[in-house]
């Protein structure tokens, strides 16, 4: 479970000061959609969860543990971005392997884990293909597989499917829904499209005036 408890953050740009207060909860196996206008604080919220910004006060609870003082690399959190951050010259298998060991030195069990992740996202036949030869949807599947092998209990989706066409986007949403349920991940999905929330989210938070508002329904 992911819980933000009384998280505060202040952002100043010139004479303009923005104050945020974040409270939300996402259960294991649950997807919470997060919407809000550009500049409303969605990215700020994700940066606080990942540790790239420090809150003024409050707790970031993951499975009952406050992770607010942990360095970003030690947090049980993985992020899937719109830019999939793949290395073009590496194969799909190698890009996924980075989620386990950046040196790409893997034991047999780890290689099997990667093979299973690629199968799970529908890329078992493309493991040896360089990333630059893959379509946009296939590249996002590689990035999703890399998130899986990291074996962290919180998944953050930062509008990762915006650049995909409607059919591929729908496939990816359904794939994420299945993986979140199977792996029991607490998932926060930032999206500009309310339809994404309607399709796969268990709850929907809207961010306005620096605070979350849980949308009925």
N, C-alpha and C. Protein backbone atom coordinates (compact mmCIF):
# COMPACT_ATOMS: atom_id res chain seq x y z
N UNK A 1 0.84 -1.20 0.00
CA UNK A 1 0.00 0.00 0.00
C UNK A 1 0.88 1.26 0.00
N UNK A 2 0.43 2.26 -0.74
CA UNK A 2 1.07 3.58 -0.76
C UNK A 2 0.13 4.58 -0.11
N UNK A 3 0.67 5.34 0.87
CA UNK A 3 -0.12 6.40 1.51
C UNK A 3 0.72 7.65 1.63
N UNK A 4 0.15 8.76 1.21
CA UNK A 4 0.74 10.07 1.49
C UNK A 4 -0.07 10.68 2.61
N UNK A 5 0.60 11.01 3.71
CA UNK A 5 -0.08 11.52 4.89
C UNK A 5 0.41 12.93 5.21
N UNK A 6 -0.45 13.91 4.98
CA UNK A 6 -0.16 15.31 5.32
C UNK A 6 1.15 15.80 4.71
N UNK A 7 1.40 15.40 3.46
CA UNK A 7 2.61 15.85 2.77
C UNK A 7 2.42 17.31 2.33
N UNK A 8 3.38 18.15 2.69
CA UNK A 8 3.33 19.55 2.26
C UNK A 8 4.57 19.87 1.44
N UNK A 9 4.39 20.79 0.50
CA UNK A 9 5.51 21.23 -0.33
C UNK A 9 5.22 22.64 -0.80
N UNK A 10 6.25 23.48 -0.80
CA UNK A 10 6.12 24.85 -1.28
C UNK A 10 7.09 25.08 -2.43
N UNK A 11 6.56 25.64 -3.50
CA UNK A 11 7.37 25.90 -4.69
C UNK A 11 7.29 27.38 -5.02
N UNK A 12 8.45 28.01 -5.13
CA UNK A 12 8.50 29.44 -5.43
C UNK A 12 9.18 29.68 -6.76
N UNK A 13 8.55 30.49 -7.60
CA UNK A 13 9.14 30.90 -8.88
C UNK A 13 8.93 32.39 -9.03
N UNK A 14 10.01 33.14 -8.85
CA UNK A 14 9.88 34.59 -8.85
C UNK A 14 9.03 35.03 -7.66
N UNK A 15 8.02 35.81 -7.93
CA UNK A 15 7.14 36.28 -6.86
C UNK A 15 5.96 35.35 -6.62
N UNK A 16 5.84 34.30 -7.44
CA UNK A 16 4.71 33.38 -7.32
C UNK A 16 5.09 32.20 -6.43
N UNK A 17 4.26 31.91 -5.44
CA UNK A 17 4.49 30.80 -4.51
C UNK A 17 3.31 29.84 -4.60
N UNK A 18 3.61 28.57 -4.79
CA UNK A 18 2.58 27.53 -4.84
C UNK A 18 2.73 26.63 -3.62
N UNK A 19 1.63 26.38 -2.95
CA UNK A 19 1.62 25.51 -1.78
C UNK A 19 0.80 24.25 -2.09
N UNK A 20 1.38 23.10 -1.77
CA UNK A 20 0.72 21.82 -2.03
C UNK A 20 0.53 21.06 -0.74
N UNK A 21 -0.56 20.33 -0.69
CA UNK A 21 -0.81 19.41 0.41
C UNK A 21 -1.37 18.12 -0.19
N UNK A 22 -0.63 17.02 0.00
CA UNK A 22 -0.99 15.76 -0.64
C UNK A 22 -1.40 14.72 0.41
N UNK A 23 -2.60 14.20 0.24
CA UNK A 23 -3.09 13.07 1.04
C UNK A 23 -3.78 12.10 0.10
N UNK A 24 -3.31 10.89 0.05
CA UNK A 24 -3.97 9.87 -0.77
C UNK A 24 -3.59 8.49 -0.27
N UNK A 25 -4.32 7.50 -0.72
CA UNK A 25 -3.98 6.13 -0.40
C UNK A 25 -4.31 5.24 -1.58
N UNK A 26 -3.38 4.32 -1.88
CA UNK A 26 -3.54 3.36 -2.98
C UNK A 26 -3.21 1.98 -2.42
N UNK A 27 -4.18 1.09 -2.47
CA UNK A 27 -3.98 -0.25 -1.93
C UNK A 27 -3.18 -1.13 -2.86
N UNK A 28 -2.67 -2.24 -2.32
CA UNK A 28 -1.97 -3.23 -3.13
C UNK A 28 -2.94 -3.81 -4.16
N UNK A 29 -2.50 -3.89 -5.41
CA UNK A 29 -3.36 -4.38 -6.48
C UNK A 29 -4.35 -3.37 -7.00
N UNK A 30 -4.21 -2.13 -6.56
CA UNK A 30 -5.16 -1.06 -6.91
C UNK A 30 -4.49 -0.03 -7.81
N UNK A 31 -5.27 0.56 -8.71
CA UNK A 31 -4.80 1.66 -9.55
C UNK A 31 -5.59 2.91 -9.18
N UNK A 32 -4.87 3.97 -8.85
CA UNK A 32 -5.50 5.27 -8.61
C UNK A 32 -5.12 6.20 -9.74
N UNK A 33 -6.11 6.73 -10.43
CA UNK A 33 -5.85 7.71 -11.47
C UNK A 33 -5.64 9.09 -10.87
N UNK A 34 -4.76 9.88 -11.47
CA UNK A 34 -4.49 11.23 -11.00
C UNK A 34 -4.54 12.18 -12.18
N UNK A 35 -5.49 13.11 -12.13
CA UNK A 35 -5.64 14.09 -13.20
C UNK A 35 -5.50 15.50 -12.61
N UNK A 36 -5.37 16.46 -13.50
CA UNK A 36 -5.24 17.86 -13.10
C UNK A 36 -4.64 18.64 -14.25
N UNK A 37 -4.91 19.92 -14.28
CA UNK A 37 -4.41 20.75 -15.37
C UNK A 37 -2.89 20.81 -15.32
N UNK A 38 -2.29 21.23 -16.41
CA UNK A 38 -0.84 21.40 -16.47
C UNK A 38 -0.40 22.41 -15.39
N UNK A 39 0.61 22.04 -14.62
CA UNK A 39 1.09 22.91 -13.56
C UNK A 39 0.36 22.76 -12.25
N UNK A 40 -0.57 21.80 -12.16
CA UNK A 40 -1.36 21.64 -10.93
C UNK A 40 -0.58 20.94 -9.82
N UNK A 41 0.53 20.28 -10.18
CA UNK A 41 1.35 19.62 -9.15
C UNK A 41 1.46 18.12 -9.30
N UNK A 42 0.99 17.57 -10.41
CA UNK A 42 1.05 16.11 -10.60
C UNK A 42 2.50 15.61 -10.60
N UNK A 43 3.36 16.28 -11.36
CA UNK A 43 4.76 15.87 -11.41
C UNK A 43 5.45 16.10 -10.07
N UNK A 44 5.07 17.16 -9.39
CA UNK A 44 5.62 17.43 -8.06
C UNK A 44 5.31 16.28 -7.11
N UNK A 45 4.09 15.79 -7.17
CA UNK A 45 3.69 14.67 -6.33
C UNK A 45 4.55 13.44 -6.61
N UNK A 46 4.73 13.11 -7.89
CA UNK A 46 5.54 11.95 -8.24
C UNK A 46 6.98 12.13 -7.80
N UNK A 47 7.51 13.35 -7.96
CA UNK A 47 8.90 13.61 -7.57
C UNK A 47 9.09 13.47 -6.06
N UNK A 48 8.07 13.77 -5.30
CA UNK A 48 8.15 13.60 -3.84
C UNK A 48 8.13 12.11 -3.50
N UNK A 49 7.29 11.35 -4.16
CA UNK A 49 7.23 9.90 -3.89
C UNK A 49 8.54 9.22 -4.25
N UNK A 50 9.13 9.61 -5.38
CA UNK A 50 10.37 8.98 -5.82
C UNK A 50 11.59 9.49 -5.05
N UNK A 51 11.47 10.64 -4.38
CA UNK A 51 12.58 11.15 -3.59
C UNK A 51 13.39 12.23 -4.26
N UNK A 52 12.96 12.70 -5.42
CA UNK A 52 13.71 13.76 -6.10
C UNK A 52 13.35 15.14 -5.58
N UNK A 53 12.27 15.23 -4.80
CA UNK A 53 11.93 16.42 -4.06
C UNK A 53 11.64 16.01 -2.62
N UNK A 54 11.97 16.89 -1.69
CA UNK A 54 11.75 16.59 -0.27
C UNK A 54 10.56 17.40 0.24
N UNK A 55 9.60 16.76 0.88
CA UNK A 55 8.44 17.50 1.40
C UNK A 55 8.80 18.34 2.61
N UNK A 56 7.99 19.35 2.88
CA UNK A 56 8.20 20.14 4.08
C UNK A 56 7.90 19.35 5.33
N UNK A 57 6.83 18.55 5.26
CA UNK A 57 6.45 17.69 6.38
C UNK A 57 5.57 16.56 5.84
N UNK A 58 5.25 15.62 6.70
CA UNK A 58 4.38 14.52 6.32
C UNK A 58 5.13 13.22 6.14
N UNK A 59 4.36 12.16 5.85
CA UNK A 59 4.93 10.82 5.73
C UNK A 59 4.56 10.20 4.38
N UNK A 60 5.50 9.46 3.82
CA UNK A 60 5.29 8.67 2.61
C UNK A 60 5.37 7.22 3.03
N UNK A 61 4.22 6.59 3.17
CA UNK A 61 4.16 5.24 3.72
C UNK A 61 4.02 4.20 2.60
N UNK A 62 4.89 3.20 2.62
CA UNK A 62 4.79 2.08 1.69
C UNK A 62 4.79 0.80 2.53
N UNK A 63 3.69 0.10 2.47
CA UNK A 63 3.53 -1.14 3.24
C UNK A 63 3.86 -0.92 4.72
N UNK A 64 3.38 0.20 5.25
CA UNK A 64 3.54 0.48 6.67
C UNK A 64 4.86 1.10 7.08
N UNK A 65 5.73 1.38 6.12
CA UNK A 65 7.05 1.95 6.41
C UNK A 65 7.17 3.33 5.82
N UNK A 66 7.67 4.28 6.61
CA UNK A 66 7.88 5.64 6.11
C UNK A 66 9.19 5.68 5.32
N UNK A 67 9.09 5.99 4.02
CA UNK A 67 10.28 5.99 3.16
C UNK A 67 10.78 7.39 2.88
N UNK A 68 10.25 8.40 3.57
CA UNK A 68 10.55 9.79 3.24
C UNK A 68 12.02 10.13 3.35
N UNK A 69 12.77 9.44 4.20
CA UNK A 69 14.18 9.75 4.37
C UNK A 69 15.10 8.85 3.54
N UNK A 70 14.52 7.92 2.79
CA UNK A 70 15.34 7.04 1.96
C UNK A 70 15.79 7.76 0.70
N UNK A 71 16.99 7.45 0.23
CA UNK A 71 17.47 7.97 -1.05
C UNK A 71 16.62 7.40 -2.18
N UNK A 72 16.51 8.13 -3.30
CA UNK A 72 15.65 7.65 -4.40
C UNK A 72 15.92 6.21 -4.81
N UNK A 73 17.18 5.82 -4.93
CA UNK A 73 17.50 4.48 -5.39
C UNK A 73 17.15 3.38 -4.42
N UNK A 74 16.86 3.73 -3.17
CA UNK A 74 16.52 2.73 -2.15
C UNK A 74 15.02 2.62 -1.91
N UNK A 75 14.24 3.42 -2.61
CA UNK A 75 12.79 3.38 -2.39
C UNK A 75 12.15 2.25 -3.21
N UNK A 76 11.14 1.59 -2.65
CA UNK A 76 10.48 0.48 -3.35
C UNK A 76 9.50 0.98 -4.41
N UNK A 77 10.00 1.85 -5.28
CA UNK A 77 9.17 2.56 -6.26
C UNK A 77 9.81 2.47 -7.63
N UNK A 78 9.00 2.20 -8.65
CA UNK A 78 9.49 2.25 -10.02
C UNK A 78 8.54 3.13 -10.83
N UNK A 79 9.10 3.78 -11.86
CA UNK A 79 8.33 4.75 -12.64
C UNK A 79 8.38 4.39 -14.12
N UNK A 80 7.23 4.46 -14.76
CA UNK A 80 7.15 4.31 -16.21
C UNK A 80 6.78 5.66 -16.80
N UNK A 81 7.72 6.24 -17.58
CA UNK A 81 7.55 7.59 -18.13
C UNK A 81 7.00 7.54 -19.56
N UNK A 82 6.56 8.72 -20.04
CA UNK A 82 6.17 8.84 -21.45
C UNK A 82 7.37 8.56 -22.34
N UNK A 83 8.53 9.10 -21.94
CA UNK A 83 9.79 8.75 -22.60
C UNK A 83 10.29 7.48 -21.93
N UNK A 84 10.34 6.38 -22.69
CA UNK A 84 10.59 5.07 -22.08
C UNK A 84 12.01 4.88 -21.57
N UNK A 85 12.92 5.80 -21.90
CA UNK A 85 14.30 5.77 -21.38
C UNK A 85 15.03 4.46 -21.69
N UNK A 86 14.82 3.96 -22.90
CA UNK A 86 15.57 2.77 -23.33
C UNK A 86 16.88 3.18 -23.97
N UNK A 87 17.84 2.25 -23.98
CA UNK A 87 19.08 2.45 -24.70
C UNK A 87 18.92 1.81 -26.09
N UNK A 88 18.96 2.66 -27.12
CA UNK A 88 18.65 2.20 -28.47
C UNK A 88 19.53 1.06 -28.96
N UNK A 89 20.80 1.06 -28.54
CA UNK A 89 21.74 0.06 -29.06
C UNK A 89 21.65 -1.27 -28.32
N UNK A 90 20.94 -1.29 -27.19
CA UNK A 90 20.78 -2.53 -26.43
C UNK A 90 19.53 -3.28 -26.88
N UNK A 91 19.57 -4.58 -26.73
CA UNK A 91 18.41 -5.41 -27.09
C UNK A 91 17.30 -5.22 -26.06
N UNK A 92 16.12 -5.71 -26.41
CA UNK A 92 15.00 -5.67 -25.46
C UNK A 92 15.38 -6.40 -24.17
N UNK A 93 16.02 -7.55 -24.30
CA UNK A 93 16.44 -8.34 -23.14
C UNK A 93 17.41 -7.55 -22.27
N UNK A 94 18.39 -6.89 -22.90
CA UNK A 94 19.38 -6.13 -22.14
C UNK A 94 18.76 -4.91 -21.47
N UNK A 95 17.84 -4.25 -22.15
CA UNK A 95 17.18 -3.10 -21.54
C UNK A 95 16.38 -3.51 -20.30
N UNK A 96 15.73 -4.65 -20.38
CA UNK A 96 15.00 -5.15 -19.21
C UNK A 96 15.98 -5.52 -18.10
N UNK A 97 17.11 -6.10 -18.48
CA UNK A 97 18.12 -6.53 -17.50
C UNK A 97 18.62 -5.36 -16.65
N UNK A 98 18.58 -4.15 -17.20
CA UNK A 98 19.03 -2.99 -16.44
C UNK A 98 18.20 -2.79 -15.17
N UNK A 99 16.99 -3.30 -15.17
CA UNK A 99 16.14 -3.20 -13.98
C UNK A 99 16.61 -4.09 -12.85
N UNK A 100 17.45 -5.07 -13.17
CA UNK A 100 18.00 -5.97 -12.15
C UNK A 100 19.43 -5.61 -11.81
N UNK A 101 20.26 -5.41 -12.83
CA UNK A 101 21.68 -5.15 -12.60
C UNK A 101 22.21 -4.26 -13.73
N UNK A 102 22.54 -3.01 -13.43
CA UNK A 102 23.03 -2.10 -14.47
C UNK A 102 24.30 -2.59 -15.16
N UNK A 103 25.04 -3.49 -14.55
CA UNK A 103 26.26 -4.01 -15.17
C UNK A 103 25.94 -5.07 -16.22
N UNK A 104 24.68 -5.54 -16.24
CA UNK A 104 24.21 -6.59 -17.15
C UNK A 104 24.87 -7.94 -16.86
N UNK A 105 25.45 -8.08 -15.70
CA UNK A 105 25.98 -9.39 -15.29
C UNK A 105 24.86 -10.11 -14.55
N UNK A 106 24.35 -11.15 -15.17
CA UNK A 106 23.18 -11.83 -14.65
C UNK A 106 23.45 -13.30 -14.40
N UNK A 107 22.84 -13.83 -13.37
CA UNK A 107 22.90 -15.28 -13.16
C UNK A 107 21.74 -15.94 -13.90
N UNK A 108 21.71 -17.24 -13.86
CA UNK A 108 20.70 -17.99 -14.62
C UNK A 108 19.29 -17.64 -14.18
N UNK A 109 19.08 -17.54 -12.88
CA UNK A 109 17.75 -17.23 -12.36
C UNK A 109 17.28 -15.85 -12.82
N UNK A 110 18.20 -14.89 -12.84
CA UNK A 110 17.84 -13.55 -13.28
C UNK A 110 17.50 -13.52 -14.76
N UNK A 111 18.22 -14.29 -15.57
CA UNK A 111 17.90 -14.37 -17.00
C UNK A 111 16.52 -14.96 -17.21
N UNK A 112 16.18 -15.96 -16.42
CA UNK A 112 14.84 -16.56 -16.51
C UNK A 112 13.78 -15.54 -16.13
N UNK A 113 14.05 -14.74 -15.10
CA UNK A 113 13.11 -13.70 -14.66
C UNK A 113 12.85 -12.71 -15.79
N UNK A 114 13.91 -12.33 -16.51
CA UNK A 114 13.76 -11.40 -17.63
C UNK A 114 12.95 -12.03 -18.75
N UNK A 115 13.24 -13.29 -19.07
CA UNK A 115 12.49 -13.99 -20.12
C UNK A 115 11.01 -14.04 -19.76
N UNK A 116 10.71 -14.31 -18.50
CA UNK A 116 9.32 -14.39 -18.07
C UNK A 116 8.63 -13.03 -18.16
N UNK A 117 9.36 -11.95 -17.84
CA UNK A 117 8.79 -10.61 -17.92
C UNK A 117 8.47 -10.24 -19.37
N UNK A 118 9.36 -10.62 -20.29
CA UNK A 118 9.13 -10.34 -21.71
C UNK A 118 7.94 -11.12 -22.23
N UNK A 119 7.79 -12.35 -21.78
CA UNK A 119 6.61 -13.14 -22.15
C UNK A 119 5.35 -12.46 -21.62
N UNK A 120 5.42 -11.98 -20.38
CA UNK A 120 4.25 -11.36 -19.75
C UNK A 120 3.77 -10.14 -20.51
N UNK A 121 4.69 -9.39 -21.12
CA UNK A 121 4.29 -8.19 -21.86
C UNK A 121 4.17 -8.46 -23.37
N UNK A 122 4.26 -9.73 -23.77
CA UNK A 122 4.04 -10.09 -25.16
C UNK A 122 5.21 -9.86 -26.09
N UNK A 123 6.44 -9.91 -25.57
CA UNK A 123 7.62 -9.64 -26.39
C UNK A 123 8.61 -10.80 -26.41
N UNK A 124 8.16 -12.01 -26.13
CA UNK A 124 9.08 -13.14 -26.05
C UNK A 124 9.80 -13.40 -27.37
N UNK A 125 9.21 -13.04 -28.49
CA UNK A 125 9.86 -13.27 -29.77
C UNK A 125 10.78 -12.14 -30.21
N UNK A 126 10.85 -11.08 -29.41
CA UNK A 126 11.64 -9.90 -29.80
C UNK A 126 12.76 -9.60 -28.81
N UNK A 127 13.12 -10.56 -27.98
CA UNK A 127 14.09 -10.33 -26.92
C UNK A 127 15.44 -9.84 -27.43
N UNK A 128 15.85 -10.32 -28.59
CA UNK A 128 17.18 -9.98 -29.12
C UNK A 128 17.17 -8.76 -30.02
N UNK A 129 16.01 -8.18 -30.29
CA UNK A 129 15.93 -7.02 -31.17
C UNK A 129 16.43 -5.75 -30.47
N UNK A 130 17.28 -4.96 -31.14
CA UNK A 130 17.68 -3.67 -30.56
C UNK A 130 16.47 -2.77 -30.37
N UNK A 131 16.52 -1.94 -29.34
CA UNK A 131 15.37 -1.10 -29.02
C UNK A 131 14.97 -0.20 -30.19
N UNK A 132 15.94 0.26 -30.98
CA UNK A 132 15.61 1.19 -32.05
C UNK A 132 14.83 0.52 -33.18
N UNK A 133 14.79 -0.80 -33.19
CA UNK A 133 14.02 -1.52 -34.21
C UNK A 133 12.59 -1.81 -33.76
N UNK A 134 12.26 -1.45 -32.55
CA UNK A 134 10.93 -1.73 -32.01
C UNK A 134 9.98 -0.55 -32.24
N UNK A 135 8.71 -0.84 -32.33
CA UNK A 135 7.70 0.22 -32.46
C UNK A 135 7.55 0.93 -31.12
N UNK A 136 6.83 2.04 -31.13
CA UNK A 136 6.61 2.79 -29.89
C UNK A 136 5.92 1.95 -28.83
N UNK A 137 4.90 1.19 -29.25
CA UNK A 137 4.20 0.33 -28.30
C UNK A 137 5.09 -0.77 -27.75
N UNK A 138 5.92 -1.34 -28.62
CA UNK A 138 6.84 -2.38 -28.18
C UNK A 138 7.89 -1.83 -27.21
N UNK A 139 8.35 -0.63 -27.47
CA UNK A 139 9.32 -0.01 -26.56
C UNK A 139 8.72 0.22 -25.19
N UNK A 140 7.46 0.63 -25.15
CA UNK A 140 6.82 0.82 -23.84
C UNK A 140 6.60 -0.52 -23.14
N UNK A 141 6.41 -1.58 -23.89
CA UNK A 141 6.31 -2.90 -23.28
C UNK A 141 7.64 -3.31 -22.66
N UNK A 142 8.73 -2.97 -23.33
CA UNK A 142 10.06 -3.25 -22.76
C UNK A 142 10.22 -2.48 -21.45
N UNK A 143 9.85 -1.20 -21.46
CA UNK A 143 9.98 -0.38 -20.25
C UNK A 143 9.11 -0.94 -19.12
N UNK A 144 7.93 -1.44 -19.47
CA UNK A 144 7.05 -2.03 -18.47
C UNK A 144 7.66 -3.31 -17.91
N UNK A 145 8.24 -4.13 -18.79
CA UNK A 145 8.90 -5.35 -18.33
C UNK A 145 10.05 -5.02 -17.39
N UNK A 146 10.79 -3.97 -17.69
CA UNK A 146 11.89 -3.54 -16.82
C UNK A 146 11.36 -3.14 -15.45
N UNK A 147 10.20 -2.51 -15.43
CA UNK A 147 9.59 -2.15 -14.14
C UNK A 147 9.23 -3.40 -13.34
N UNK A 148 8.78 -4.43 -14.03
CA UNK A 148 8.38 -5.66 -13.36
C UNK A 148 9.56 -6.35 -12.68
N UNK A 149 10.69 -6.46 -13.38
CA UNK A 149 11.82 -7.20 -12.82
C UNK A 149 12.47 -6.44 -11.67
N UNK A 150 12.21 -5.13 -11.57
CA UNK A 150 12.75 -4.37 -10.44
C UNK A 150 12.13 -4.84 -9.13
N UNK A 151 10.96 -5.47 -9.22
CA UNK A 151 10.32 -6.13 -8.07
C UNK A 151 10.09 -5.15 -6.92
N UNK A 152 9.47 -4.01 -7.25
CA UNK A 152 9.14 -3.01 -6.23
C UNK A 152 7.63 -2.91 -6.12
N UNK A 153 7.15 -2.61 -4.94
CA UNK A 153 5.72 -2.74 -4.66
C UNK A 153 4.88 -1.56 -5.12
N UNK A 154 5.54 -0.44 -5.50
CA UNK A 154 4.80 0.74 -5.96
C UNK A 154 5.19 1.04 -7.40
N UNK A 155 4.18 1.22 -8.25
CA UNK A 155 4.40 1.56 -9.65
C UNK A 155 3.77 2.92 -9.93
N UNK A 156 4.56 3.83 -10.48
CA UNK A 156 4.07 5.15 -10.87
C UNK A 156 4.06 5.23 -12.39
N UNK A 157 2.94 5.64 -12.95
CA UNK A 157 2.79 5.78 -14.39
C UNK A 157 2.66 7.26 -14.72
N UNK A 158 3.68 7.81 -15.36
CA UNK A 158 3.70 9.24 -15.67
C UNK A 158 3.35 9.46 -17.13
N UNK A 159 2.05 9.34 -17.44
CA UNK A 159 1.52 9.50 -18.79
C UNK A 159 2.33 8.72 -19.83
N UNK A 160 2.58 7.43 -19.61
CA UNK A 160 3.49 6.69 -20.49
C UNK A 160 2.91 6.33 -21.85
N UNK A 161 1.60 6.46 -22.02
CA UNK A 161 0.98 5.97 -23.25
C UNK A 161 0.44 7.08 -24.14
N UNK A 162 0.81 8.33 -23.84
CA UNK A 162 0.27 9.47 -24.59
C UNK A 162 0.59 9.43 -26.08
N UNK A 163 1.79 8.96 -26.42
CA UNK A 163 2.24 9.02 -27.82
C UNK A 163 1.75 7.83 -28.64
N UNK A 164 1.02 6.92 -28.02
CA UNK A 164 0.58 5.71 -28.72
C UNK A 164 -0.78 5.94 -29.38
N UNK A 165 -1.02 5.22 -30.47
CA UNK A 165 -2.33 5.34 -31.10
C UNK A 165 -3.39 4.65 -30.23
N UNK A 166 -4.65 4.87 -30.56
CA UNK A 166 -5.75 4.46 -29.69
C UNK A 166 -5.75 2.96 -29.42
N UNK A 167 -5.53 2.16 -30.46
CA UNK A 167 -5.58 0.71 -30.29
C UNK A 167 -4.45 0.21 -29.38
N UNK A 168 -3.23 0.70 -29.64
CA UNK A 168 -2.08 0.27 -28.83
C UNK A 168 -2.22 0.78 -27.40
N UNK A 169 -2.72 2.00 -27.26
CA UNK A 169 -2.94 2.57 -25.93
C UNK A 169 -3.89 1.69 -25.13
N UNK A 170 -4.98 1.24 -25.76
CA UNK A 170 -5.94 0.38 -25.08
C UNK A 170 -5.29 -0.94 -24.68
N UNK A 171 -4.47 -1.49 -25.55
CA UNK A 171 -3.77 -2.74 -25.23
C UNK A 171 -2.86 -2.56 -24.02
N UNK A 172 -2.14 -1.44 -23.98
CA UNK A 172 -1.22 -1.19 -22.87
C UNK A 172 -1.97 -0.99 -21.56
N UNK A 173 -3.09 -0.29 -21.61
CA UNK A 173 -3.89 -0.09 -20.41
C UNK A 173 -4.39 -1.43 -19.86
N UNK A 174 -4.86 -2.29 -20.75
CA UNK A 174 -5.33 -3.60 -20.32
C UNK A 174 -4.18 -4.44 -19.76
N UNK A 175 -3.01 -4.32 -20.38
CA UNK A 175 -1.85 -5.06 -19.92
C UNK A 175 -1.46 -4.59 -18.51
N UNK A 176 -1.42 -3.29 -18.30
CA UNK A 176 -1.09 -2.75 -16.98
C UNK A 176 -2.11 -3.21 -15.94
N UNK A 177 -3.38 -3.16 -16.29
CA UNK A 177 -4.42 -3.59 -15.35
C UNK A 177 -4.19 -5.04 -14.90
N UNK A 178 -3.87 -5.90 -15.85
CA UNK A 178 -3.63 -7.30 -15.52
C UNK A 178 -2.39 -7.49 -14.67
N UNK A 179 -1.32 -6.78 -14.99
CA UNK A 179 -0.06 -6.92 -14.25
C UNK A 179 -0.21 -6.38 -12.83
N UNK A 180 -0.87 -5.26 -12.68
CA UNK A 180 -1.07 -4.68 -11.35
C UNK A 180 -1.82 -5.65 -10.45
N UNK A 181 -2.84 -6.29 -11.00
CA UNK A 181 -3.61 -7.27 -10.22
C UNK A 181 -2.78 -8.50 -9.90
N UNK A 182 -2.06 -9.01 -10.91
CA UNK A 182 -1.27 -10.24 -10.71
C UNK A 182 -0.12 -10.02 -9.73
N UNK A 183 0.54 -8.86 -9.82
CA UNK A 183 1.72 -8.59 -8.99
C UNK A 183 1.38 -7.85 -7.71
N UNK A 184 0.12 -7.49 -7.54
CA UNK A 184 -0.34 -6.82 -6.32
C UNK A 184 0.38 -5.49 -6.09
N UNK A 185 0.52 -4.71 -7.16
CA UNK A 185 1.23 -3.44 -7.09
C UNK A 185 0.29 -2.30 -6.70
N UNK A 186 0.76 -1.40 -5.86
CA UNK A 186 0.04 -0.16 -5.60
C UNK A 186 0.45 0.82 -6.69
N UNK A 187 -0.51 1.26 -7.50
CA UNK A 187 -0.18 1.99 -8.73
C UNK A 187 -0.88 3.35 -8.78
N UNK A 188 -0.09 4.38 -9.05
CA UNK A 188 -0.61 5.73 -9.23
C UNK A 188 -0.37 6.13 -10.68
N UNK A 189 -1.44 6.41 -11.41
CA UNK A 189 -1.38 6.69 -12.84
C UNK A 189 -1.72 8.15 -13.12
N UNK A 190 -0.72 8.92 -13.52
CA UNK A 190 -0.95 10.30 -13.94
C UNK A 190 -1.38 10.29 -15.40
N UNK A 191 -2.48 10.94 -15.71
CA UNK A 191 -2.98 10.97 -17.08
C UNK A 191 -3.75 12.26 -17.32
N UNK A 192 -3.73 12.73 -18.57
CA UNK A 192 -4.54 13.89 -18.93
C UNK A 192 -5.90 13.45 -19.47
N UNK A 193 -6.06 12.14 -19.66
CA UNK A 193 -7.26 11.59 -20.30
C UNK A 193 -8.14 10.89 -19.26
N UNK A 194 -9.27 11.48 -18.97
CA UNK A 194 -10.17 10.91 -17.98
C UNK A 194 -10.64 9.51 -18.37
N UNK A 195 -10.63 9.22 -19.68
CA UNK A 195 -11.04 7.90 -20.14
C UNK A 195 -10.12 6.80 -19.62
N UNK A 196 -8.82 7.12 -19.42
CA UNK A 196 -7.90 6.14 -18.86
C UNK A 196 -8.36 5.73 -17.47
N UNK A 197 -8.79 6.70 -16.69
CA UNK A 197 -9.29 6.40 -15.35
C UNK A 197 -10.55 5.54 -15.42
N UNK A 198 -11.44 5.90 -16.32
CA UNK A 198 -12.68 5.14 -16.46
C UNK A 198 -12.42 3.69 -16.84
N UNK A 199 -11.36 3.46 -17.62
CA UNK A 199 -11.10 2.12 -18.14
C UNK A 199 -10.44 1.20 -17.11
N UNK A 200 -9.47 1.72 -16.35
CA UNK A 200 -8.71 0.78 -15.50
C UNK A 200 -8.52 1.22 -14.05
N UNK A 201 -8.87 2.45 -13.70
CA UNK A 201 -8.59 2.92 -12.34
C UNK A 201 -9.68 2.47 -11.36
N UNK A 202 -9.26 2.13 -10.16
CA UNK A 202 -10.20 1.78 -9.09
C UNK A 202 -10.72 3.03 -8.38
N UNK A 203 -9.92 4.09 -8.42
CA UNK A 203 -10.34 5.37 -7.85
C UNK A 203 -9.68 6.48 -8.65
N UNK A 204 -10.21 7.68 -8.50
CA UNK A 204 -9.72 8.81 -9.30
C UNK A 204 -9.55 10.03 -8.40
N UNK A 205 -8.31 10.52 -8.33
CA UNK A 205 -8.03 11.77 -7.63
C UNK A 205 -7.83 12.88 -8.66
N UNK A 206 -8.43 14.02 -8.39
CA UNK A 206 -8.20 15.21 -9.22
C UNK A 206 -7.45 16.23 -8.38
N UNK A 207 -6.38 16.77 -8.95
CA UNK A 207 -5.52 17.72 -8.23
C UNK A 207 -5.87 19.15 -8.65
N UNK A 208 -6.32 19.93 -7.71
CA UNK A 208 -6.61 21.34 -7.99
C UNK A 208 -6.39 22.14 -6.71
N UNK A 209 -5.98 23.38 -6.88
CA UNK A 209 -5.69 24.27 -5.75
C UNK A 209 -4.71 23.64 -4.77
N UNK A 210 -3.78 22.83 -5.31
CA UNK A 210 -2.73 22.25 -4.49
C UNK A 210 -3.12 21.08 -3.63
N UNK A 211 -4.35 20.55 -3.83
CA UNK A 211 -4.80 19.43 -3.00
C UNK A 211 -5.51 18.38 -3.86
N UNK A 212 -5.51 17.13 -3.36
CA UNK A 212 -6.22 16.04 -4.04
C UNK A 212 -7.69 16.06 -3.66
N UNK A 213 -8.52 15.78 -4.65
CA UNK A 213 -9.95 15.63 -4.41
C UNK A 213 -10.38 14.28 -4.99
N UNK A 214 -10.88 13.41 -4.14
CA UNK A 214 -11.32 12.09 -4.59
C UNK A 214 -12.64 12.22 -5.31
N UNK A 215 -12.66 11.78 -6.58
CA UNK A 215 -13.85 11.90 -7.42
C UNK A 215 -14.80 10.74 -7.16
N UNK A 216 -16.05 11.01 -6.89
CA UNK A 216 -17.02 9.92 -6.66
C UNK A 216 -17.19 9.08 -7.91
N UNK A 217 -17.53 7.80 -7.70
CA UNK A 217 -17.84 6.96 -8.84
C UNK A 217 -16.97 5.77 -8.94
